[in-house]
Protein backbone atom coordinates (compact mmCIF):
# COMPACT_ATOMS: atom_id res chain seq x y z
CA MET A 1 -92.79 134.69 -74.36
CA LYS A 2 -90.96 133.55 -71.24
CA LEU A 3 -92.72 130.84 -69.26
CA LEU A 4 -90.28 130.66 -66.37
CA PRO A 5 -88.47 133.54 -64.69
CA GLN A 6 -84.75 133.59 -65.36
CA PHE A 7 -82.28 133.94 -62.51
CA SER A 8 -78.56 134.58 -62.71
CA ILE A 9 -76.09 132.21 -61.07
CA ARG A 10 -74.82 135.13 -58.95
CA LEU A 11 -78.32 135.67 -57.51
CA MET A 12 -78.75 131.97 -56.77
CA LEU A 13 -75.35 131.80 -55.03
CA GLY A 14 -76.25 134.85 -52.94
CA VAL A 15 -79.58 133.36 -51.89
CA THR A 16 -77.85 130.07 -51.04
CA ALA A 17 -75.21 131.85 -48.94
CA LEU A 18 -77.89 133.87 -47.11
CA ALA A 19 -79.91 130.73 -46.39
CA ALA A 20 -76.77 128.95 -45.14
CA GLY A 21 -76.05 131.83 -42.75
CA LEU A 22 -79.62 131.89 -41.42
CA PHE A 23 -79.76 128.13 -40.91
CA SER A 24 -76.39 128.13 -39.16
CA ILE A 25 -77.81 130.69 -36.69
CA VAL A 26 -80.86 128.44 -36.23
CA GLY A 27 -78.52 125.50 -35.63
CA LEU A 28 -76.66 127.48 -32.96
CA ALA A 29 -80.02 128.32 -31.38
CA VAL A 30 -80.88 124.63 -31.19
CA ARG A 31 -77.55 124.05 -29.43
CA GLY A 32 -78.51 126.65 -26.79
CA HIS A 33 -76.71 129.90 -27.63
CA GLY A 34 -78.79 132.77 -26.22
CA TRP A 35 -78.10 135.35 -28.93
CA ALA A 36 -78.96 132.81 -31.63
CA ILE A 37 -82.22 131.94 -29.88
CA GLY A 38 -83.16 135.63 -29.83
CA ILE A 39 -82.36 136.13 -33.51
CA SER A 40 -84.20 132.94 -34.47
CA MET A 41 -87.28 133.95 -32.48
CA GLY A 42 -87.22 137.41 -34.06
CA LEU A 43 -86.99 135.99 -37.57
CA ALA A 44 -89.70 133.42 -36.83
CA SER A 45 -92.04 136.11 -35.49
CA LEU A 46 -91.39 138.23 -38.58
CA VAL A 47 -92.20 135.28 -40.86
CA ILE A 48 -95.37 134.51 -38.87
CA MET A 49 -96.48 138.15 -38.97
CA LEU A 50 -95.94 138.47 -42.72
CA GLY A 51 -97.63 135.12 -43.33
CA THR A 52 -100.65 136.12 -41.25
CA GLY A 53 -100.94 139.41 -43.10
CA ALA A 54 -100.70 137.68 -46.47
CA GLY A 55 -103.27 135.07 -45.41
CA LEU A 56 -105.76 137.68 -44.20
CA PHE A 57 -105.23 139.69 -47.39
CA GLY A 58 -105.94 136.55 -49.42
CA VAL A 59 -109.13 135.83 -47.48
CA LEU A 60 -110.38 139.40 -47.93
CA TRP A 61 -109.41 139.37 -51.59
CA VAL A 62 -111.43 136.18 -52.17
CA PHE A 63 -114.42 137.72 -50.35
CA SER A 64 -114.13 140.87 -52.49
CA LEU A 65 -114.25 138.74 -55.62
CA VAL A 66 -117.23 136.70 -54.44
CA SER A 67 -119.44 139.30 -52.74
CA PRO A 68 -121.19 142.10 -54.62
CA ARG A 69 -119.94 145.62 -54.08
CA SER A 70 -121.79 147.72 -51.57
CA GLY A 71 -121.00 151.36 -51.21
CA GLY A 72 -122.39 154.85 -51.08
CA ARG A 73 -123.90 154.70 -54.56
CA ARG A 74 -126.07 151.69 -53.80
CA ILE A 75 -127.34 153.21 -50.52
CA ALA A 76 -127.90 156.59 -52.18
CA ALA A 77 -129.73 154.96 -55.07
CA ALA A 78 -132.00 153.23 -52.56
CA ALA A 79 -132.62 156.59 -50.85
CA GLY A 80 -133.50 158.16 -54.19
CA GLY A 81 -130.86 160.82 -54.59
CA PRO A 82 -127.19 161.61 -54.99
CA PRO A 83 -124.70 160.43 -52.35
CA ALA A 84 -124.91 163.79 -50.53
CA ALA A 85 -128.67 163.28 -50.00
CA CYS A 86 -128.10 159.88 -48.39
CA PRO A 87 -129.13 159.85 -44.72
CA PHE A 88 -126.05 157.78 -43.91
CA ALA A 89 -123.59 160.24 -45.46
CA PRO A 90 -121.19 161.69 -42.89
CA SER A 91 -121.52 165.40 -42.21
CA ALA A 92 -118.64 167.82 -42.28
CA PRO A 93 -116.87 168.10 -38.93
CA GLN A 94 -117.58 171.29 -37.01
CA SER A 95 -114.96 172.98 -34.89
CA PRO A 96 -116.05 174.44 -31.54
CA PHE A 97 -113.80 177.42 -32.29
CA ALA A 98 -115.24 178.15 -35.76
CA GLY A 99 -117.32 181.11 -34.51
CA SER A 100 -114.48 182.90 -32.69
CA PRO A 101 -111.22 183.12 -34.64
CA ILE A 102 -108.01 183.84 -32.78
CA ASP A 103 -106.84 187.43 -33.40
CA ALA A 104 -103.25 187.19 -32.21
CA VAL A 105 -100.96 185.17 -30.02
CA VAL A 106 -98.76 187.22 -27.68
CA ILE A 107 -95.73 185.57 -26.13
CA ASP A 108 -93.93 187.44 -23.37
CA ALA A 109 -90.21 186.75 -23.33
CA GLU A 110 -87.76 187.91 -20.71
CA PRO A 111 -84.48 189.31 -22.07
CA ALA A 112 -82.52 186.76 -20.00
CA ALA A 113 -84.44 183.87 -21.64
CA ALA A 114 -83.46 184.91 -25.16
CA PRO A 115 -80.66 182.93 -26.83
CA PRO A 116 -77.33 184.69 -27.38
CA GLY A 117 -77.37 186.95 -30.40
CA ALA A 118 -81.18 187.27 -30.50
CA THR A 119 -82.93 190.58 -30.08
CA VAL A 120 -86.04 190.89 -27.97
CA GLU A 121 -88.39 193.72 -28.82
CA GLY A 122 -90.38 195.43 -26.12
CA ASP A 123 -94.16 195.46 -25.90
CA PRO A 124 -95.48 198.06 -28.42
CA THR A 125 -98.62 198.76 -26.36
CA PRO A 126 -98.34 201.57 -23.81
CA GLY A 127 -98.45 200.45 -20.21
CA GLY A 128 -97.04 196.95 -20.77
CA SER A 129 -98.84 193.69 -21.26
CA PRO A 130 -101.37 192.33 -18.75
């Protein structure tokens, strides 16, 4: 059983070279180079964003371990039936167009608007389209 993770010397040299490059850019930002200030601010904001996300995840994870679970089953059990009989269960969404389906979509195209090489069929109904 391994107690400590094992790293290769090549990986450690790569991480060291990457850190040296990043800290040299930060050093140039401290000296006042504009492009280095922009890159440093971008990297700092990325680190802050990821740290905030990890911190909030940790807080919610601790709350999920401490608090009891509450969900549809507990509410439905209190209501005395399966989850579908729960008064708080969401209903299926209803479309305003459910009663009148669309029969067909007719698109009128002028022969001049067709791309080269395409064929445009005429209107099959007698008298043309409205």
